[in-house]
Protein backbone atom coordinates (compact mmCIF):
# COMPACT_ATOMS: atom_id res chain seq x y z
CA UNK A 1 10.24 4.00 4.44
CA UNK A 2 7.71 2.48 2.10
CA UNK A 3 8.66 0.81 -1.15
CA UNK A 4 7.64 2.65 -4.31
CA UNK A 5 4.90 0.43 -5.64
CA UNK A 6 5.50 1.37 -9.26
CA UNK A 7 8.92 -0.17 -8.89
CA UNK A 8 8.07 -2.78 -7.78
CA UNK A 9 -11.35 -22.87 -17.45
CA UNK A 10 -10.85 -23.72 -20.79
CA UNK A 11 -11.20 -24.65 -24.39
CA UNK A 12 -8.07 -26.65 -23.80
CA UNK A 13 -4.50 -26.07 -22.79
CA UNK A 14 -2.93 -23.95 -25.47
CA UNK A 15 0.59 -23.59 -24.20
CA UNK A 16 2.25 -25.16 -21.16
CA UNK A 17 5.77 -23.96 -20.59
CA UNK A 18 8.21 -24.91 -17.86
CA UNK A 19 10.86 -22.23 -17.74
CA UNK A 20 14.50 -22.03 -16.87
CA UNK A 21 14.79 -19.24 -14.34
CA UNK A 22 17.68 -16.87 -14.98
CA UNK A 23 18.94 -15.40 -11.73
CA UNK A 24 20.73 -12.08 -11.64
CA UNK A 25 22.07 -10.13 -8.65
CA UNK A 26 20.77 -6.71 -9.62
CA UNK A 27 21.00 -4.31 -6.65
CA UNK A 28 18.85 -4.66 -3.54
CA UNK A 29 15.50 -6.38 -3.93
CA UNK A 30 13.50 -3.31 -2.85
CA UNK A 31 14.88 -1.35 -5.79
CA UNK A 32 13.40 -3.62 -8.45
CA UNK A 33 12.31 -1.40 -11.35
CA UNK A 34 11.27 -1.74 -14.97
CA UNK A 35 14.83 -1.07 -16.11
CA UNK A 36 15.90 -4.27 -14.37
CA UNK A 37 13.73 -6.16 -16.82
CA UNK A 38 15.07 -4.14 -19.72
CA UNK A 39 18.68 -4.94 -18.84
CA UNK A 40 17.90 -8.65 -18.70
CA UNK A 41 15.78 -8.95 -21.83
CA UNK A 42 18.27 -9.33 -24.67
CA UNK A 43 20.19 -11.88 -22.64
CA UNK A 44 17.02 -13.75 -21.74
CA UNK A 45 15.69 -13.81 -25.30
CA UNK A 46 18.85 -15.49 -26.52
CA UNK A 47 19.64 -17.78 -23.60
CA UNK A 48 16.50 -18.86 -21.75
CA UNK A 49 15.40 -22.44 -22.33
CA UNK A 50 12.81 -24.89 -21.13
CA UNK A 51 13.73 -27.05 -18.18
CA UNK A 52 11.56 -29.33 -16.08
CA UNK A 53 13.61 -30.01 -12.96
CA UNK A 54 13.99 -27.87 -9.87
CA UNK A 55 16.59 -25.14 -10.12
CA UNK A 56 18.73 -23.82 -7.32
CA UNK A 57 18.47 -20.04 -6.92
CA UNK A 58 21.04 -18.19 -4.82
CA UNK A 59 20.20 -14.53 -5.48
CA UNK A 60 17.30 -12.37 -4.19
CA UNK A 61 16.01 -11.67 -7.72
CA UNK A 62 15.34 -14.01 -10.61
CA UNK A 63 14.10 -13.10 -14.09
CA UNK A 64 12.77 -15.21 -16.91
CA UNK A 65 11.04 -14.84 -20.27
CA UNK A 66 8.28 -17.08 -21.67
CA UNK A 67 7.05 -17.54 -25.19
CA UNK A 68 3.57 -16.11 -25.35
CA UNK A 69 0.18 -16.54 -26.98
CA UNK A 70 -2.18 -13.88 -28.36
CA UNK A 71 -4.94 -14.61 -25.83
CA UNK A 72 -3.63 -14.31 -22.27
CA UNK A 73 -6.68 -13.34 -20.20
CA UNK A 74 -6.36 -16.41 -17.96
CA UNK A 75 -2.66 -17.08 -17.65
CA UNK A 76 -1.99 -19.70 -14.98
CA UNK A 77 1.19 -19.03 -13.02
CA UNK A 78 2.45 -21.95 -10.95
CA UNK A 79 5.61 -22.17 -8.86
CA UNK A 80 6.69 -25.37 -7.11
CA UNK A 81 9.46 -24.99 -4.54
CA UNK A 82 11.34 -26.29 -1.54
CA UNK A 83 11.41 -23.65 1.16
CA UNK A 84 14.85 -22.35 2.12
CA UNK A 85 16.30 -23.09 5.55
CA UNK A 86 15.57 -19.51 6.62
CA UNK A 87 12.19 -18.58 5.21
CA UNK A 88 11.80 -15.40 3.21
CA UNK A 89 9.06 -13.26 1.68
CA UNK A 90 8.50 -14.40 -1.88
CA UNK A 91 6.82 -12.49 -4.76
CA UNK A 92 6.13 -13.03 -8.45
CA UNK A 93 6.06 -10.05 -10.80
CA UNK A 94 4.77 -9.80 -14.38
CA UNK A 95 5.95 -6.83 -16.41
CA UNK A 96 3.11 -4.89 -18.08
CA UNK A 97 3.05 -2.03 -20.55
CA UNK A 98 2.20 0.21 -17.59
CA UNK A 99 3.29 -0.95 -14.14
CA UNK A 100 3.56 -4.57 -13.03
CA UNK A 101 1.32 -7.34 -11.73
CA UNK A 102 2.53 -8.50 -8.30
CA UNK A 103 1.52 -11.65 -6.44
CA UNK A 104 2.79 -12.70 -3.02
CA UNK A 105 3.68 -16.38 -2.90
CA UNK A 106 4.82 -16.85 0.69
CA UNK A 107 5.71 -14.87 3.80
CA UNK A 108 7.15 -16.15 7.12
CA UNK A 109 4.72 -14.13 9.24
CA UNK A 110 1.69 -15.89 7.78
CA UNK A 111 3.03 -19.41 7.38
CA UNK A 112 1.69 -20.65 10.70
CA UNK A 113 -0.85 -17.92 11.32
CA UNK A 114 -4.03 -19.24 12.95
CA UNK A 115 -6.09 -16.07 12.48
CA UNK A 116 -9.48 -16.08 10.83
CA UNK A 117 -9.37 -15.40 7.09
CA UNK A 118 -11.87 -13.67 4.80
CA UNK A 119 -11.28 -13.44 1.07
CA UNK A 120 -12.68 -12.70 -2.35
CA UNK A 121 -11.19 -12.96 -5.83
CA UNK A 122 -8.90 -9.97 -5.22
CA UNK A 123 -8.02 -9.86 -1.52
CA UNK A 124 -7.24 -12.11 1.42
CA UNK A 125 -7.59 -10.50 4.85
CA UNK A 126 -6.30 -12.16 8.02
CA UNK A 127 -8.02 -10.86 11.17
CA UNK A 128 -6.98 -11.52 14.74
CA UNK A 129 -10.62 -11.45 15.87
CA UNK A 130 -13.73 -12.21 13.86
CA UNK A 131 -14.62 -8.54 13.41
CA UNK A 132 -15.79 -8.77 9.78
CA UNK A 133 -17.57 -11.45 7.80
CA UNK A 134 -16.62 -10.22 4.33
CA UNK A 135 -13.93 -8.27 2.51
CA UNK A 136 -16.48 -5.67 1.43
CA UNK A 137 -17.57 -4.87 4.99
CA UNK A 138 -13.93 -4.58 6.05
CA UNK A 139 -13.18 -2.01 3.35
CA UNK A 140 -16.33 0.03 3.95
CA UNK A 141 -16.01 0.01 7.75
CA UNK A 142 -12.28 0.54 8.32
CA UNK A 143 -11.43 4.12 9.35
CA UNK A 144 -7.82 3.81 10.53
CA UNK A 145 -4.72 1.99 9.32
CA UNK A 146 -2.94 1.90 12.70
CA UNK A 147 -3.60 -1.81 13.37
CA UNK A 148 -3.25 -2.97 9.74
CA UNK A 149 -0.37 -4.41 7.74
CA UNK A 150 -0.51 -4.70 3.97
CA UNK A 151 1.64 -6.71 1.62
CA UNK A 152 4.35 -4.64 0.02
CA UNK A 153 3.02 -4.37 -3.53
CA UNK A 154 -0.67 -4.16 -2.67
CA UNK A 155 -2.72 -1.40 -4.28
CA UNK A 156 -6.29 -1.15 -3.05
CA UNK A 157 -9.19 1.20 -3.69
CA UNK A 158 -8.98 2.46 -0.10
CA UNK A 159 -6.60 5.28 0.83
CA UNK A 160 -6.89 4.23 4.48
CA UNK A 161 -5.61 0.75 3.61
CA UNK A 162 -2.93 2.08 1.27
CA UNK A 163 -1.49 4.16 4.14
CA UNK A 164 -0.93 1.10 6.32
CA UNK A 165 2.57 -0.17 7.06
CA UNK A 166 4.12 -2.82 4.86
CA UNK A 167 4.44 -6.42 5.98
CA UNK A 168 8.21 -6.51 5.41
CA UNK A 169 8.87 -3.79 8.01
CA UNK A 170 7.04 -5.72 10.74
CA UNK A 171 9.20 -7.77 13.10
CA UNK A 172 6.13 -9.24 14.76
CA UNK A 173 2.36 -8.80 14.87
CA UNK A 174 2.14 -6.94 18.19
CA UNK A 175 -0.63 -4.34 17.95
CA UNK A 176 -1.74 -5.65 14.55
CA UNK A 177 -5.30 -6.91 14.05
CA UNK A 178 -5.51 -7.17 10.25
CA UNK A 179 -3.22 -8.18 7.37
CA UNK A 180 -4.44 -7.32 3.87
CA UNK A 181 -2.93 -9.27 0.96
CA UNK A 182 -3.61 -10.79 -2.44
CA UNK A 183 -2.34 -14.07 -0.98
CA UNK A 184 -3.51 -17.50 -2.12
CA UNK A 185 -2.96 -20.54 0.08
CA UNK A 186 -0.19 -22.86 -1.06
CA UNK A 187 -0.71 -26.63 -1.29
CA UNK A 188 1.62 -29.63 -1.31
CA UNK A 189 2.64 -31.91 -4.18
CA UNK A 190 4.86 -34.55 -2.61
CA UNK A 191 7.59 -32.67 -0.76
CA UNK A 192 7.09 -29.45 -2.77
CA UNK A 193 5.10 -26.38 -1.74
CA UNK A 194 2.99 -25.19 -4.68
CA UNK A 195 1.51 -21.76 -5.35
CA UNK A 196 -0.88 -21.29 -8.24
CA UNK A 197 -2.84 -18.27 -9.41
CA UNK A 198 -4.59 -16.95 -12.53
CA UNK A 199 -3.33 -13.64 -13.92
CA UNK A 200 -4.80 -11.51 -16.68
CA UNK A 201 -1.69 -11.05 -18.79
CA UNK A 202 -3.50 -9.32 -21.66
CA UNK A 203 -1.54 -6.10 -21.10
CA UNK A 204 1.78 -7.82 -20.46
CA UNK A 205 4.71 -6.21 -22.21
CA UNK A 206 5.71 -8.33 -25.21
CA UNK A 207 9.20 -8.24 -26.71
CA UNK A 208 10.26 -10.65 -29.47
CA UNK A 209 7.17 -12.80 -28.78
CA UNK A 210 8.08 -13.13 -25.10
CA UNK A 211 6.63 -11.79 -21.88
CA UNK A 212 8.85 -11.28 -18.84
CA UNK A 213 8.51 -12.26 -15.22
CA UNK A 214 10.45 -11.72 -12.01
CA UNK A 215 10.74 -13.57 -8.71
CA UNK A 216 11.67 -11.50 -5.63
CA UNK A 217 13.09 -13.39 -2.62
CA UNK A 218 14.99 -10.96 -0.34
CA UNK A 219 16.28 -13.62 2.05
CA UNK A 220 17.74 -15.93 -0.61
CA UNK A 221 21.54 -16.10 -0.88
CA UNK A 222 24.42 -18.50 -1.42
CA UNK A 223 24.01 -19.54 2.22
CA UNK A 224 20.22 -19.71 2.02
CA UNK A 225 19.30 -20.99 -1.47
CA UNK A 226 15.86 -21.96 -2.73
CA UNK A 227 14.95 -24.67 -5.24
CA UNK A 228 12.02 -24.01 -7.55
CA UNK A 229 10.47 -24.50 -10.94
CA UNK A 230 7.95 -22.33 -12.80
CA UNK A 231 5.06 -23.38 -15.05
CA UNK A 232 3.15 -20.92 -17.24
CA UNK A 233 -0.09 -22.18 -18.80
CA UNK A 234 -2.03 -19.98 -21.24
CA UNK A 235 -5.53 -21.38 -20.71
CA UNK A 236 -8.68 -19.62 -21.80
CA UNK A 237 -12.26 -19.29 -20.54
CA UNK A 238 -14.72 -21.74 -21.98
CA UNK A 239 -16.95 -19.05 -23.51
CA UNK A 240 -14.35 -17.82 -25.99
CA UNK A 241 -15.34 -18.67 -29.57
CA UNK A 242 -12.61 -18.69 -32.20
CA UNK A 243 -13.62 -17.28 -35.56
CA UNK A 244 -11.76 -16.96 -38.85
């Protein structure tokens, strides 16, 4: 059964915040909803603090609030982490006034995948064979979703793609020729895996001068913890001119 999706550079650095992640065991990870953020907010506003070192997370959901800035069109989200012993799917979520922004950080099925990859600013598509040379031709040519997997929170312009099975329900890639994601390749800093992406947080929901984020890691537990730290950088495009 598919997850309900609704539930689910510069003039200079203006704000760089390293955040203490607050982890809460709120129901099963697939049932993440806006009310989860609401329940956590008052507590987060009063208790969250900046912290630079890695933090050990032992629950499948983590929530945190960041102080914000008026201009958020190029908000850089960066997570540095040590992978848990048993790898797990791993998402970041930004709460918006309507819906959420979702970004997949890591997934065990693609960690060592040697398939060809095509991508643009919005999508990354892994293909078993070199059937397409661009994301656009894939979307315009694809007529069936039977051999496609999509990441769990993906929303595309194609109904065919949206009807594909989710990545988390797949035990293996037998019979699958394409995986459609908004994935960005991680890189290494020392012994840490690092994921970094730019998010338009203009429509992020603001409460008491904070915006709110979530990390979803269904395989994380007391027996399978993860260590991570989060950096949020409100950086702006170079063509913005500030006027009185």
